[in-house]
Amino acid sequence: MGDKQSTISDIVKNYYNNYGLRAKELKGEGKQFIGYVCSLVPLEIITASGCIPFRVRGSVYEPITRGDTLLETIVCPYYRSVFDLSVKGKYDFLSGMVIPHGCDSMVRSFSAWSYGLPFSYFHFVNIPSVCDESSFEFFDSELGAFKKSLEKFTGKAITEEHLRQAIRVHNENRDKVRALYELRKTDPPLISGTELTMTLTAGSSLPIEESNDLFDQVLTGVKGRKNSLPQKGPRIFIDGACLDNIELIKLVEELGGNVVADTICNGARDHLPKTDVGGDSIEALSRRYLGKVNCPKTYRANKAGTFEGDIANRFGDIGTYAREFKADGAILYVYKYCDPFGFEVPARKAYYHSLNLPLLHLEDIYSAGTMGQLRTRVQAFLEMIG
């Protein structure tokens, strides 16, 4: 893997390791960046406003200190880390923040964000917890309010044409991500999970057009490789919340596995669903973010009224991707105190059992220091399914 890893674009490594570098450069040119912390924030509306969406991330290497003076320590460690870096000034180049109703931690901490950070724009997007027609009507209205708040902030109208153009360029981005995922179907895959995670994370810190260019560069480089990974290994599927760092995936691949698919927030869950085109743009965005981004926060009811039907309806994307990428086993990686995923663990385990897909469930904190503790369990799991 070492030779292959060394061929990844230097610009990807630079943007991953120096997260926010490009945003700082563009801030000096007068560009306005709006931060967000969850896949449920409609990025197209931010882009249509003339601002640049920027996914705020934490750091598994930095202890949470100042953030814990303002947030309860029983809040999800990933979210606490994101907040901690923000109050320490890492993201001072942002002009504002958007917090969605992604979980109770996000809802209850909105005031801490708005009072604790010196940004001139804050907005809370209320997202329904079920997916029925009345929920979409409500969400249409919420997105309309989000649009108006950005118009007030920028002093510019967001037209239907602006929205359609933003939808088009973000859909192009998702097409390129799908093309990157397709490179994982070979055995062994042409692109490692470590490389893909670095690429997607770097892309979320860039203007959408530059993210598209970066993905094109990586696609060209990977397709030009003469050799695949030097070894085959168990094909692993990663399930869970946000993995904006490479530590777990790198551990799996160092131990001989190949991470080939996922349903994580900054992976397939976030990037693969596209927005429909041709109709009203706000309605299309409502259907995309509420109906297509399959997050535990939004419950998809089962009309059949059976447990089997319920888990198939809620977790069907897992089965689709696991079959498509020929996964041999899965790792369900859940952060401590992450209630949306924590409550779903029994049902998710039952669904994996119905697929006859071996599963390793890991509960962890957002820290690189725990990887040594996880190594033995991951290694035993790979040996079991290998």
Protein backbone atom coordinates (compact mmCIF):
# COMPACT_ATOMS: atom_id res chain seq x y z
CA MET A 1 0.00 0.00 0.00
CA GLY A 2 2.94 2.30 0.64
CA ASP A 3 3.84 2.75 -3.05
CA LYS A 4 0.24 3.35 -3.99
CA GLN A 5 -0.38 5.74 -1.12
CA SER A 6 2.61 7.85 -2.18
CA THR A 7 1.00 8.55 -5.58
CA ILE A 8 -1.98 10.39 -4.15
CA SER A 9 -2.09 14.03 -5.21
CA ASP A 10 0.13 16.26 -3.09
CA ILE A 11 -2.59 18.89 -3.14
CA VAL A 12 -5.02 16.42 -1.51
CA LYS A 13 -2.55 15.71 1.27
CA ASN A 14 -1.90 19.42 1.73
CA TYR A 15 -5.59 20.34 2.01
CA TYR A 16 -6.26 17.38 4.29
CA ASN A 17 -3.33 18.07 6.64
CA ASN A 18 -3.72 21.86 6.52
CA TYR A 19 -7.49 21.94 6.62
CA GLY A 20 -8.87 25.37 5.78
CA LEU A 21 -5.74 26.52 3.95
CA ARG A 22 -7.55 27.43 0.75
CA ALA A 23 -10.37 29.12 2.65
CA LYS A 24 -7.87 31.39 4.40
CA GLU A 25 -6.39 32.34 1.02
CA LEU A 26 -9.78 33.15 -0.48
CA LYS A 27 -10.91 34.98 2.65
CA GLY A 28 -8.08 37.41 1.94
CA GLU A 29 -9.60 37.96 -1.51
CA GLY A 30 -12.96 38.91 -0.01
CA LYS A 31 -14.77 35.57 -0.31
CA GLN A 32 -17.26 34.64 2.41
CA PHE A 33 -17.31 31.11 3.83
CA ILE A 34 -20.27 29.67 5.71
CA GLY A 35 -19.44 26.75 8.02
CA TYR A 36 -21.66 23.72 8.54
CA VAL A 37 -21.39 20.58 10.66
CA CYS A 38 -23.78 18.03 9.20
CA SER A 39 -24.83 16.38 5.93
CA LEU A 40 -28.36 17.74 6.35
CA VAL A 41 -27.38 21.37 5.60
CA PRO A 42 -28.49 22.27 2.01
CA LEU A 43 -25.19 23.36 0.49
CA GLU A 44 -26.77 24.45 -2.77
CA ILE A 45 -28.54 27.35 -1.08
CA ILE A 46 -25.25 28.60 0.38
CA THR A 47 -23.58 28.33 -3.03
CA ALA A 48 -26.50 30.09 -4.71
CA SER A 49 -26.09 33.00 -2.28
CA GLY A 50 -22.54 33.62 -3.52
CA CYS A 51 -21.01 32.30 -0.27
CA ILE A 52 -18.90 29.15 -0.06
CA PRO A 53 -19.96 26.21 2.14
CA PHE A 54 -17.18 24.85 4.36
CA ARG A 55 -17.52 21.64 6.36
CA VAL A 56 -16.12 22.27 9.83
CA ARG A 57 -14.22 19.26 11.20
CA GLY A 58 -12.62 18.31 14.48
CA SER A 59 -9.20 16.88 15.27
CA VAL A 60 -8.56 13.42 16.70
CA TYR A 61 -5.11 14.64 17.76
CA GLU A 62 -6.06 17.67 19.85
CA PRO A 63 -7.51 17.35 23.37
CA ILE A 64 -10.85 19.07 23.95
CA THR A 65 -10.26 21.89 26.43
CA ARG A 66 -11.99 25.23 25.89
CA GLY A 67 -15.00 23.59 24.30
CA ASP A 68 -15.74 21.66 27.49
CA THR A 69 -16.15 24.92 29.39
CA LEU A 70 -19.17 25.72 27.22
CA LEU A 71 -20.64 22.30 26.29
CA GLU A 72 -21.58 19.36 28.48
CA THR A 73 -19.04 16.52 28.36
CA ILE A 74 -21.84 14.02 27.62
CA VAL A 75 -22.19 15.59 24.17
CA CYS A 76 -20.90 13.51 21.22
CA PRO A 77 -17.06 13.75 21.24
CA TYR A 78 -16.92 14.48 17.51
CA TYR A 79 -19.25 17.45 17.91
CA ARG A 80 -17.38 18.65 21.00
CA SER A 81 -14.10 18.55 19.08
CA VAL A 82 -15.58 20.57 16.21
CA PHE A 83 -16.87 23.17 18.69
CA ASP A 84 -13.58 23.16 20.65
CA LEU A 85 -11.52 24.00 17.57
CA SER A 86 -14.01 26.69 16.61
CA VAL A 87 -13.83 28.51 19.94
CA LYS A 88 -10.02 28.22 19.82
CA GLY A 89 -10.09 30.27 16.62
CA LYS A 90 -9.16 27.63 14.02
CA TYR A 91 -12.08 28.67 11.83
CA ASP A 92 -11.97 32.43 12.32
CA PHE A 93 -11.96 32.85 8.53
CA LEU A 94 -15.65 31.86 8.48
CA SER A 95 -18.32 34.53 8.12
CA GLY A 96 -21.03 32.40 9.67
CA MET A 97 -22.30 29.00 10.77
CA VAL A 98 -25.33 26.89 9.93
CA ILE A 99 -26.47 24.32 12.48
CA PRO A 100 -29.22 21.84 11.51
CA HIS A 101 -31.47 19.72 13.69
CA GLY A 102 -29.22 16.72 13.18
CA CYS A 103 -29.37 15.54 16.79
CA ASP A 104 -30.25 16.88 20.24
CA SER A 105 -26.65 17.96 20.80
CA MET A 106 -26.85 20.25 17.79
CA VAL A 107 -30.25 21.65 18.77
CA ARG A 108 -29.39 22.36 22.39
CA SER A 109 -25.96 23.83 21.64
CA PHE A 110 -27.01 26.36 19.00
CA SER A 111 -26.97 29.13 21.58
CA ALA A 112 -23.42 28.14 22.62
CA TRP A 113 -22.29 28.50 19.02
CA SER A 114 -24.06 31.82 18.48
CA TYR A 115 -22.89 33.35 21.78
CA GLY A 116 -19.42 31.82 21.84
CA LEU A 117 -18.18 32.62 18.33
CA PRO A 118 -17.60 36.02 16.70
CA PHE A 119 -19.35 35.31 13.39
CA SER A 120 -21.80 37.78 11.87
CA TYR A 121 -24.22 35.13 10.59
CA PHE A 122 -25.85 32.18 12.33
CA HIS A 123 -28.82 30.13 11.22
CA PHE A 124 -30.59 27.07 12.60
CA VAL A 125 -32.29 24.76 10.09
CA ASN A 126 -35.13 22.80 11.68
CA ILE A 127 -35.42 19.37 10.06
CA PRO A 128 -38.39 17.02 10.55
CA SER A 129 -37.78 13.62 12.11
CA VAL A 130 -40.15 11.66 9.84
CA CYS A 131 -40.50 11.53 6.07
CA ASP A 132 -44.14 12.04 5.11
CA GLU A 133 -45.81 14.64 2.92
CA SER A 134 -46.52 17.09 5.74
CA SER A 135 -42.83 16.86 6.73
CA PHE A 136 -41.75 17.85 3.24
CA GLU A 137 -44.17 20.79 3.25
CA PHE A 138 -42.70 21.96 6.55
CA PHE A 139 -39.14 21.52 5.28
CA ASP A 140 -39.95 23.47 2.11
CA SER A 141 -40.90 26.37 4.36
CA GLU A 142 -37.73 25.97 6.46
CA LEU A 143 -35.52 26.06 3.39
CA GLY A 144 -37.38 29.14 2.19
CA ALA A 145 -36.55 30.82 5.51
CA PHE A 146 -32.91 29.72 5.18
CA LYS A 147 -32.79 31.26 1.71
CA LYS A 148 -34.23 34.54 2.99
CA SER A 149 -31.73 34.69 5.85
CA LEU A 150 -28.83 34.38 3.40
CA GLU A 151 -30.36 37.02 1.16
CA LYS A 152 -30.53 39.37 4.13
CA PHE A 153 -26.94 38.55 5.11
CA THR A 154 -25.46 39.05 1.63
CA GLY A 155 -27.82 41.79 0.47
CA LYS A 156 -28.43 39.87 -2.76
CA ALA A 157 -31.46 38.01 -4.05
CA ILE A 158 -31.16 34.26 -4.62
CA THR A 159 -33.05 33.57 -7.84
CA GLU A 160 -34.40 30.29 -9.16
CA GLU A 161 -31.65 30.38 -11.77
CA HIS A 162 -29.01 30.75 -9.03
CA LEU A 163 -30.43 27.70 -7.28
CA ARG A 164 -30.57 25.63 -10.46
CA GLN A 165 -26.96 26.49 -11.28
CA ALA A 166 -25.88 25.54 -7.75
CA ILE A 167 -27.79 22.25 -7.97
CA ARG A 168 -26.10 21.47 -11.28
CA VAL A 169 -22.55 22.04 -10.00
CA HIS A 170 -23.17 20.12 -6.76
CA ASN A 171 -24.66 17.22 -8.74
CA GLU A 172 -21.52 17.25 -10.89
CA ASN A 173 -19.53 16.91 -7.68
CA ARG A 174 -21.61 13.90 -6.66
CA ASP A 175 -21.12 12.31 -10.08
CA LYS A 176 -17.35 12.60 -9.62
CA VAL A 177 -17.57 11.06 -6.15
CA ARG A 178 -19.59 8.18 -7.60
CA ALA A 179 -16.84 7.70 -10.21
CA LEU A 180 -14.27 7.55 -7.39
CA TYR A 181 -16.36 4.94 -5.59
CA GLU A 182 -16.57 2.88 -8.79
CA LEU A 183 -12.79 2.48 -8.65
CA ARG A 184 -13.25 0.45 -5.45
CA LYS A 185 -15.15 -2.34 -7.19
CA THR A 186 -12.05 -4.10 -8.50
CA ASP A 187 -10.36 -6.69 -6.28
CA PRO A 188 -8.14 -5.30 -4.95
CA PRO A 189 -9.57 -1.78 -5.36
CA LEU A 190 -7.76 0.86 -7.42
CA ILE A 191 -8.17 3.49 -4.72
CA SER A 192 -7.82 2.78 -1.02
CA GLY A 193 -10.31 3.84 1.60
CA THR A 194 -7.60 5.99 3.17
CA GLU A 195 -7.05 7.87 -0.07
CA LEU A 196 -10.75 8.34 -0.73
CA THR A 197 -11.40 9.67 2.77
CA MET A 198 -8.56 12.16 2.43
CA THR A 199 -9.88 13.25 -0.95
CA LEU A 200 -13.49 13.75 0.15
CA THR A 201 -12.41 15.55 3.33
CA ALA A 202 -10.14 17.88 1.37
CA GLY A 203 -12.93 18.54 -1.13
CA SER A 204 -15.32 19.65 1.60
CA SER A 205 -12.98 22.56 2.44
CA LEU A 206 -12.96 23.99 -1.11
CA PRO A 207 -15.32 26.02 -3.31
CA ILE A 208 -17.45 23.53 -5.21
CA GLU A 209 -15.79 24.27 -8.57
CA GLU A 210 -12.33 23.68 -7.08
CA SER A 211 -13.58 20.53 -5.39
CA ASN A 212 -14.73 19.28 -8.79
CA ASP A 213 -11.32 20.04 -10.29
CA LEU A 214 -9.59 18.24 -7.42
CA PHE A 215 -11.76 15.14 -7.87
CA ASP A 216 -11.03 15.17 -11.61
CA GLN A 217 -7.31 15.29 -10.85
CA VAL A 218 -7.56 12.31 -8.49
CA LEU A 219 -9.70 10.36 -10.97
CA THR A 220 -7.16 10.90 -13.73
CA GLY A 221 -4.28 9.92 -11.49
CA VAL A 222 -5.91 6.76 -10.17
CA LYS A 223 -7.11 5.59 -13.60
CA GLY A 224 -3.56 5.97 -14.86
CA ARG A 225 -2.13 3.54 -12.34
CA LYS A 226 -0.65 0.40 -13.80
CA ASN A 227 -0.99 -1.67 -10.67
CA SER A 228 -3.66 -2.13 -8.05
CA LEU A 229 -2.97 -2.63 -4.38
CA PRO A 230 -0.17 -5.16 -3.86
CA GLN A 231 -2.43 -7.54 -1.92
CA LYS A 232 -6.01 -8.69 -1.76
CA GLY A 233 -7.80 -8.75 1.55
CA PRO A 234 -11.25 -8.89 3.12
CA ARG A 235 -13.51 -6.27 1.56
CA ILE A 236 -14.78 -4.10 4.40
CA PHE A 237 -17.87 -1.90 4.63
CA ILE A 238 -17.80 0.99 7.16
CA ASP A 239 -21.07 2.13 8.74
CA GLY A 240 -21.58 4.97 11.21
CA ALA A 241 -21.60 8.73 11.63
CA CYS A 242 -18.94 11.22 10.52
CA LEU A 243 -15.42 9.95 9.78
CA ASP A 244 -13.52 13.05 8.70
CA ASN A 245 -10.16 11.50 9.58
CA ILE A 246 -8.33 8.47 8.22
CA GLU A 247 -7.28 6.75 11.46
CA LEU A 248 -9.79 3.86 11.61
CA ILE A 249 -9.73 3.24 7.86
CA LYS A 250 -5.93 3.34 7.80
CA LEU A 251 -5.86 0.84 10.68
CA VAL A 252 -8.11 -1.59 8.78
CA GLU A 253 -5.96 -1.33 5.67
CA GLU A 254 -2.68 -1.65 7.59
CA LEU A 255 -4.02 -4.92 8.99
CA GLY A 256 -4.74 -6.31 5.51
CA GLY A 257 -8.33 -5.29 4.86
CA ASN A 258 -9.58 -3.23 1.92
CA VAL A 259 -12.23 -0.61 2.79
CA VAL A 260 -14.42 -0.61 -0.32
CA ALA A 261 -17.76 0.95 0.69
CA ASP A 262 -19.49 2.88 3.44
CA THR A 263 -22.56 4.62 4.74
CA ILE A 264 -20.90 7.41 6.72
CA CYS A 265 -21.86 11.07 6.85
CA ASN A 266 -18.97 12.44 4.81
CA GLY A 267 -18.94 9.42 2.50
CA ALA A 268 -21.74 7.72 0.57
CA ARG A 269 -24.53 9.05 2.80
CA ASP A 270 -23.53 12.63 2.06
CA HIS A 271 -22.12 12.50 -1.46
CA LEU A 272 -24.02 9.94 -3.53
CA PRO A 273 -27.70 11.05 -3.41
CA LYS A 274 -28.35 13.66 -6.11
CA THR A 275 -30.87 16.50 -6.27
CA ASP A 276 -33.62 16.17 -8.87
CA VAL A 277 -33.64 18.81 -11.60
CA GLY A 278 -36.41 20.35 -13.66
CA GLY A 279 -38.92 21.35 -11.00
CA ASP A 280 -39.03 23.87 -8.18
CA SER A 281 -35.53 23.99 -6.71
CA ILE A 282 -36.52 24.46 -3.06
CA GLU A 283 -38.86 21.47 -3.27
CA ALA A 284 -36.14 19.41 -4.97
CA LEU A 285 -33.66 20.27 -2.23
CA SER A 286 -36.24 19.40 0.42
CA ARG A 287 -36.73 15.96 -1.14
CA ARG A 288 -33.00 15.41 -1.45
CA TYR A 289 -31.90 16.33 2.07
CA LEU A 290 -34.90 14.94 3.94
CA GLY A 291 -35.86 12.03 1.70
CA LYS A 292 -32.58 10.78 0.23
CA VAL A 293 -29.93 11.39 2.91
CA ASN A 294 -30.60 8.31 5.05
CA CYS A 295 -29.66 9.53 8.52
CA PRO A 296 -30.83 7.92 11.81
CA LYS A 297 -32.22 11.35 12.67
CA THR A 298 -35.01 10.90 10.10
CA TYR A 299 -37.30 7.91 10.58
CA ARG A 300 -38.61 6.10 7.51
CA ALA A 301 -41.88 4.44 8.47
CA ASN A 302 -42.64 0.85 7.47
CA LYS A 303 -46.07 0.45 5.93
CA ALA A 304 -46.01 -3.33 6.32
CA GLY A 305 -45.88 -2.98 10.11
CA THR A 306 -43.26 -5.69 10.69
CA PHE A 307 -39.82 -5.48 12.26
CA GLU A 308 -38.23 -7.11 9.21
CA GLY A 309 -39.91 -4.61 6.91
CA ASP A 310 -38.94 -1.76 9.20
CA ILE A 311 -35.21 -2.51 9.20
CA ALA A 312 -35.22 -3.20 5.45
CA ASN A 313 -36.87 0.17 4.84
CA ARG A 314 -34.58 2.10 7.18
CA PHE A 315 -31.27 0.43 6.31
CA GLY A 316 -31.81 -0.69 2.73
CA ASP A 317 -28.97 1.49 1.46
CA ILE A 318 -26.56 -0.64 3.51
CA GLY A 319 -27.64 -3.79 1.71
CA THR A 320 -27.51 -2.07 -1.67
CA TYR A 321 -23.94 -0.83 -1.22
CA ALA A 322 -22.74 -4.03 0.48
CA ARG A 323 -23.89 -6.09 -2.49
CA GLU A 324 -22.73 -3.59 -5.10
CA PHE A 325 -19.19 -3.44 -3.70
CA LYS A 326 -19.09 -7.14 -2.71
CA ALA A 327 -18.34 -6.56 0.97
CA ASP A 328 -17.09 -9.52 3.02
CA GLY A 329 -17.74 -7.89 6.38
CA ALA A 330 -18.77 -4.62 8.01
CA ILE A 331 -17.65 -2.40 10.86
CA LEU A 332 -20.30 -0.36 12.67
CA TYR A 333 -18.32 2.51 14.19
CA VAL A 334 -20.31 4.59 16.69
CA TYR A 335 -19.11 7.48 18.83
CA LYS A 336 -19.88 7.40 22.53
CA TYR A 337 -22.89 9.58 23.41
CA CYS A 338 -24.08 9.63 19.77
CA ASP A 339 -27.73 8.98 20.55
CA PRO A 340 -29.14 8.74 16.98
CA PHE A 341 -26.75 5.91 16.10
CA GLY A 342 -26.59 4.45 19.60
CA PHE A 343 -30.33 3.85 19.76
CA GLU A 344 -30.21 2.12 16.37
CA VAL A 345 -27.41 -0.34 17.12
CA PRO A 346 -29.70 -3.34 17.94
CA ALA A 347 -31.80 -2.80 14.82
CA ARG A 348 -28.75 -2.31 12.63
CA LYS A 349 -27.21 -5.51 14.00
CA ALA A 350 -30.43 -7.36 13.15
CA TYR A 351 -30.32 -6.00 9.62
CA TYR A 352 -26.70 -7.10 9.10
CA HIS A 353 -27.72 -10.53 10.39
CA SER A 354 -30.49 -10.64 7.79
CA LEU A 355 -27.85 -9.95 5.12
CA ASN A 356 -25.56 -12.70 6.51
CA LEU A 357 -22.84 -10.04 6.59
CA PRO A 358 -20.35 -10.42 9.46
CA LEU A 359 -20.32 -7.33 11.67
CA LEU A 360 -17.89 -5.81 14.15
CA HIS A 361 -19.46 -3.15 16.38
CA LEU A 362 -17.06 -0.59 17.83
CA GLU A 363 -17.97 2.21 20.23
CA ASP A 364 -15.22 4.79 20.44
CA ILE A 365 -14.36 8.36 21.30
CA TYR A 366 -13.08 10.88 18.78
CA SER A 367 -9.37 10.38 19.41
CA ALA A 368 -6.39 8.89 17.60
CA GLY A 369 -5.20 7.59 20.96
CA THR A 370 -7.76 4.77 20.96
CA MET A 371 -6.58 3.13 17.73
CA GLY A 372 -4.12 0.91 19.61
CA GLN A 373 -6.97 -0.41 21.76
CA LEU A 374 -9.04 -1.19 18.63
CA ARG A 375 -6.21 -2.89 16.74
CA THR A 376 -6.62 -6.32 18.35
CA ARG A 377 -10.38 -6.41 17.76
CA VAL A 378 -10.09 -5.28 14.14
CA GLN A 379 -7.29 -7.77 13.46
CA ALA A 380 -9.29 -10.65 14.96
CA PHE A 381 -12.33 -9.67 12.87
CA LEU A 382 -10.31 -9.60 9.64
CA GLU A 383 -8.80 -12.98 10.44
CA MET A 384 -12.26 -14.40 11.17
CA ILE A 385 -13.76 -13.34 7.83
CA GLY A 386 -10.56 -13.76 5.80
